[in-house]
PDB file of N, CA and C in Angstrom:
ATOM      1  N   UNK A   1       0.817  -1.184   0.000  1.00  0.00           N
ATOM      2  CA  UNK A   1       0.000   0.000   0.000  1.00  0.00           C
ATOM      3  C   UNK A   1       0.866   1.256   0.000  1.00  0.00           C
ATOM      4  N   UNK A   2       1.959   1.237   0.746  1.00  0.00           N
ATOM      5  CA  UNK A   2       2.825   2.416   0.807  1.00  0.00           C
ATOM      6  C   UNK A   2       3.380   2.763  -0.565  1.00  0.00           C
ATOM      7  N   UNK A   3       3.741   1.754  -1.347  1.00  0.00           N
ATOM      8  CA  UNK A   3       4.269   2.000  -2.693  1.00  0.00           C
ATOM      9  C   UNK A   3       3.195   2.647  -3.561  1.00  0.00           C
ATOM     10  N   UNK A   4       1.977   2.138  -3.496  1.00  0.00           N
ATOM     11  CA  UNK A   4       0.865   2.718  -4.259  1.00  0.00           C
ATOM     12  C   UNK A   4       0.680   4.183  -3.894  1.00  0.00           C
ATOM     13  N   UNK A   5       0.679   4.477  -2.615  1.00  0.00           N
ATOM     14  CA  UNK A   5       0.509   5.862  -2.171  1.00  0.00           C
ATOM     15  C   UNK A   5       1.650   6.741  -2.686  1.00  0.00           C
ATOM     16  N   UNK A   6       2.882   6.277  -2.531  1.00  0.00           N
ATOM     17  CA  UNK A   6       4.031   7.064  -2.988  1.00  0.00           C
ATOM     18  C   UNK A   6       3.977   7.316  -4.481  1.00  0.00           C
ATOM     19  N   UNK A   7       3.600   6.321  -5.258  1.00  0.00           N
ATOM     20  CA  UNK A   7       3.521   6.485  -6.712  1.00  0.00           C
ATOM     21  C   UNK A   7       2.430   7.473  -7.105  1.00  0.00           C
ATOM     22  N   UNK A   8       1.490   7.706  -6.193  1.00  0.00           N
ATOM     23  CA  UNK A   8       0.398   8.626  -6.466  1.00  0.00           C
ATOM     24  C   UNK A   8       0.509   9.928  -5.679  1.00  0.00           C
ATOM     25  N   UNK A   9       1.705  10.185  -5.123  1.00  0.00           N
ATOM     26  CA  UNK A   9       1.978  11.464  -4.488  1.00  0.00           C
ATOM     27  C   UNK A   9       1.561  11.587  -3.037  1.00  0.00           C
ATOM     28  N   UNK A  10       1.469  10.469  -2.332  1.00  0.00           N
ATOM     29  CA  UNK A  10       1.095  10.497  -0.914  1.00  0.00           C
ATOM     30  C   UNK A  10       2.021   9.598  -0.110  1.00  0.00           C
ATOM     31  N   UNK A  11       2.082   9.850   1.185  1.00  0.00           N
ATOM     32  CA  UNK A  11       2.784   8.942   2.073  1.00  0.00           C
ATOM     33  C   UNK A  11       2.027   8.813   3.384  1.00  0.00           C
ATOM     34  N   UNK A  12       2.170   7.647   4.009  1.00  0.00           N
ATOM     35  CA  UNK A  12       1.526   7.414   5.301  1.00  0.00           C
ATOM     36  C   UNK A  12       2.277   8.165   6.386  1.00  0.00           C
ATOM     37  N   UNK A  13       1.548   8.632   7.374  1.00  0.00           N
ATOM     38  CA  UNK A  13       2.158   9.328   8.503  1.00  0.00           C
ATOM     39  C   UNK A  13       1.779   8.618   9.800  1.00  0.00           C
ATOM     40  N   UNK A  14       1.877   7.294   9.770  1.00  0.00           N
ATOM     41  CA  UNK A  14       1.610   6.470  10.947  1.00  0.00           C
ATOM     42  C   UNK A  14       2.793   5.529  11.148  1.00  0.00           C
ATOM     43  N   UNK A  15       2.843   4.923  12.318  1.00  0.00           N
ATOM     44  CA  UNK A  15       3.914   3.966  12.577  1.00  0.00           C
ATOM     45  C   UNK A  15       3.703   2.706  11.741  1.00  0.00           C
ATOM     46  N   UNK A  16       4.790   1.991  11.527  1.00  0.00           N
ATOM     47  CA  UNK A  16       4.710   0.728  10.795  1.00  0.00           C
ATOM     48  C   UNK A  16       3.799  -0.253  11.531  1.00  0.00           C
ATOM     49  N   UNK A  17       3.843  -0.227  12.848  1.00  0.00           N
ATOM     50  CA  UNK A  17       3.002  -1.119  13.660  1.00  0.00           C
ATOM     51  C   UNK A  17       1.520  -0.850  13.393  1.00  0.00           C
ATOM     52  N   UNK A  18       1.127   0.419  13.362  1.00  0.00           N
ATOM     53  CA  UNK A  18      -0.271   0.755  13.111  1.00  0.00           C
ATOM     54  C   UNK A  18      -0.689   0.361  11.697  1.00  0.00           C
ATOM     55  N   UNK A  19       0.178   0.610  10.717  1.00  0.00           N
ATOM     56  CA  UNK A  19      -0.147   0.248   9.336  1.00  0.00           C
ATOM     57  C   UNK A  19      -0.324  -1.259   9.199  1.00  0.00           C
ATOM     58  N   UNK A  20       0.556  -2.034   9.813  1.00  0.00           N
ATOM     59  CA  UNK A  20       0.447  -3.496   9.764  1.00  0.00           C
ATOM     60  C   UNK A  20      -0.828  -3.950  10.456  1.00  0.00           C
ATOM     61  N   UNK A  21      -1.149  -3.353  11.586  1.00  0.00           N
ATOM     62  CA  UNK A  21      -2.369  -3.707  12.317  1.00  0.00           C
ATOM     63  C   UNK A  21      -3.612  -3.479  11.456  1.00  0.00           C
ATOM     64  N   UNK A  22      -3.656  -2.362  10.749  1.00  0.00           N
ATOM     65  CA  UNK A  22      -4.791  -2.075   9.876  1.00  0.00           C
ATOM     66  C   UNK A  22      -4.864  -3.101   8.747  1.00  0.00           C
ATOM     67  N   UNK A  23      -3.716  -3.435   8.159  1.00  0.00           N
ATOM     68  CA  UNK A  23      -3.708  -4.408   7.059  1.00  0.00           C
ATOM     69  C   UNK A  23      -4.137  -5.794   7.533  1.00  0.00           C
ATOM     70  N   UNK A  24      -3.714  -6.190   8.720  1.00  0.00           N
ATOM     71  CA  UNK A  24      -4.127  -7.489   9.274  1.00  0.00           C
ATOM     72  C   UNK A  24      -5.630  -7.498   9.494  1.00  0.00           C
ATOM     73  N   UNK A  25      -6.156  -6.426  10.056  1.00  0.00           N
ATOM     74  CA  UNK A  25      -7.594  -6.354  10.293  1.00  0.00           C
ATOM     75  C   UNK A  25      -8.383  -6.288   8.993  1.00  0.00           C
ATOM     76  N   UNK A  26      -7.815  -5.668   7.978  1.00  0.00           N
ATOM     77  CA  UNK A  26      -8.447  -5.653   6.667  1.00  0.00           C
ATOM     78  C   UNK A  26      -8.513  -7.067   6.105  1.00  0.00           C
ATOM     79  N   UNK A  27      -7.410  -7.800   6.202  1.00  0.00           N
ATOM     80  CA  UNK A  27      -7.358  -9.181   5.700  1.00  0.00           C
ATOM     81  C   UNK A  27      -8.330 -10.087   6.445  1.00  0.00           C
ATOM     82  N   UNK A  28      -8.523  -9.825   7.728  1.00  0.00           N
ATOM     83  CA  UNK A  28      -9.449 -10.621   8.540  1.00  0.00           C
ATOM     84  C   UNK A  28     -10.909 -10.257   8.297  1.00  0.00           C
ATOM     85  N   UNK A  29     -11.131  -9.169   7.569  1.00  0.00           N
ATOM     86  CA  UNK A  29     -12.493  -8.728   7.317  1.00  0.00           C
ATOM     87  C   UNK A  29     -13.053  -7.841   8.409  1.00  0.00           C
ATOM     88  N   UNK A  30     -12.175  -7.372   9.292  1.00  0.00           N
ATOM     89  CA  UNK A  30     -12.608  -6.509  10.397  1.00  0.00           C
ATOM     90  C   UNK A  30     -12.648  -5.034  10.022  1.00  0.00           C
ATOM     91  N   UNK A  31     -12.121  -4.696   8.848  1.00  0.00           N
ATOM     92  CA  UNK A  31     -12.101  -3.309   8.363  1.00  0.00           C
ATOM     93  C   UNK A  31     -12.749  -3.313   6.984  1.00  0.00           C
ATOM     94  N   UNK A  32     -13.731  -2.451   6.799  1.00  0.00           N
ATOM     95  CA  UNK A  32     -14.412  -2.371   5.504  1.00  0.00           C
ATOM     96  C   UNK A  32     -13.625  -1.468   4.554  1.00  0.00           C
ATOM     97  N   UNK A  33     -14.004  -1.508   3.303  1.00  0.00           N
ATOM     98  CA  UNK A  33     -13.361  -0.658   2.299  1.00  0.00           C
ATOM     99  C   UNK A  33     -13.560   0.818   2.648  1.00  0.00           C
ATOM    100  N   UNK A  34     -14.750   1.167   3.088  1.00  0.00           N
ATOM    101  CA  UNK A  34     -15.003   2.572   3.432  1.00  0.00           C
ATOM    102  C   UNK A  34     -14.226   2.982   4.685  1.00  0.00           C
ATOM    103  N   UNK A  35     -14.079   2.085   5.639  1.00  0.00           N
ATOM    104  CA  UNK A  35     -13.281   2.386   6.833  1.00  0.00           C
ATOM    105  C   UNK A  35     -11.809   2.568   6.461  1.00  0.00           C
ATOM    106  N   UNK A  36     -11.312   1.729   5.544  1.00  0.00           N
ATOM    107  CA  UNK A  36      -9.928   1.871   5.086  1.00  0.00           C
ATOM    108  C   UNK A  36      -9.741   3.208   4.375  1.00  0.00           C
ATOM    109  N   UNK A  37     -10.699   3.594   3.560  1.00  0.00           N
ATOM    110  CA  UNK A  37     -10.613   4.866   2.844  1.00  0.00           C
ATOM    111  C   UNK A  37     -10.533   6.033   3.826  1.00  0.00           C
ATOM    112  N   UNK A  38     -11.336   6.002   4.868  1.00  0.00           N
ATOM    113  CA  UNK A  38     -11.304   7.062   5.883  1.00  0.00           C
ATOM    114  C   UNK A  38      -9.959   7.055   6.604  1.00  0.00           C
ATOM    115  N   UNK A  39      -9.479   5.862   6.958  1.00  0.00           N
ATOM    116  CA  UNK A  39      -8.197   5.749   7.658  1.00  0.00           C
ATOM    117  C   UNK A  39      -7.071   6.308   6.789  1.00  0.00           C
ATOM    118  N   UNK A  40      -7.062   5.928   5.506  1.00  0.00           N
ATOM    119  CA  UNK A  40      -6.030   6.437   4.596  1.00  0.00           C
ATOM    120  C   UNK A  40      -6.107   7.958   4.460  1.00  0.00           C
ATOM    121  N   UNK A  41      -7.304   8.476   4.352  1.00  0.00           N
ATOM    122  CA  UNK A  41      -7.488   9.920   4.234  1.00  0.00           C
ATOM    123  C   UNK A  41      -6.963  10.648   5.468  1.00  0.00           C
ATOM    124  N   UNK A  42      -7.196  10.064   6.628  1.00  0.00           N
ATOM    125  CA  UNK A  42      -6.774  10.689   7.884  1.00  0.00           C
ATOM    126  C   UNK A  42      -5.293  10.496   8.195  1.00  0.00           C
ATOM    127  N   UNK A  43      -4.653   9.529   7.533  1.00  0.00           N
ATOM    128  CA  UNK A  43      -3.285   9.162   7.914  1.00  0.00           C
ATOM    129  C   UNK A  43      -2.291   9.230   6.756  1.00  0.00           C
ATOM    130  N   UNK A  44      -2.577  10.020   5.756  1.00  0.00           N
ATOM    131  CA  UNK A  44      -1.634  10.222   4.662  1.00  0.00           C
ATOM    132  C   UNK A  44      -1.582  11.699   4.295  1.00  0.00           C
ATOM    133  N   UNK A  45      -0.449  12.078   3.735  1.00  0.00           N
ATOM    134  CA  UNK A  45      -0.267  13.469   3.328  1.00  0.00           C
ATOM    135  C   UNK A  45       0.283  13.509   1.909  1.00  0.00           C
ATOM    136  N   UNK A  46      -0.053  14.575   1.203  1.00  0.00           N
ATOM    137  CA  UNK A  46       0.451  14.772  -0.155  1.00  0.00           C
ATOM    138  C   UNK A  46       1.930  15.141  -0.090  1.00  0.00           C
ATOM    139  N   UNK A  47       2.694  14.624  -1.050  1.00  0.00           N
ATOM    140  CA  UNK A  47       4.106  14.940  -1.150  1.00  0.00           C
ATOM    141  C   UNK A  47       4.397  15.416  -2.565  1.00  0.00           C
ATOM    142  N   UNK A  48       5.499  16.129  -2.720  1.00  0.00           N
ATOM    143  CA  UNK A  48       5.915  16.585  -4.053  1.00  0.00           C
ATOM    144  C   UNK A  48       6.695  15.474  -4.732  1.00  0.00           C
ATOM    145  N   UNK A  49       6.259  15.125  -5.931  1.00  0.00           N
ATOM    146  CA  UNK A  49       6.984  14.145  -6.745  1.00  0.00           C
ATOM    147  C   UNK A  49       7.508  14.868  -7.980  1.00  0.00           C
ATOM    148  N   UNK A  50       8.802  14.748  -8.207  1.00  0.00           N
ATOM    149  CA  UNK A  50       9.398  15.426  -9.368  1.00  0.00           C
ATOM    150  C   UNK A  50       9.978  14.417 -10.300  1.00  0.00           C
TER     151      UNK A  50
END
């Protein structure tokens, strides 16, 4: 996911532990697509790509 974000001009601003926890819960079905979208929106920032 981090690579996808970076290629699209964003980066996560959370710890690796939190990102892994979210991905594990997503895989388990404990996080919905809309919940992931909100989490990504709240935990990523735009970066300059040149």
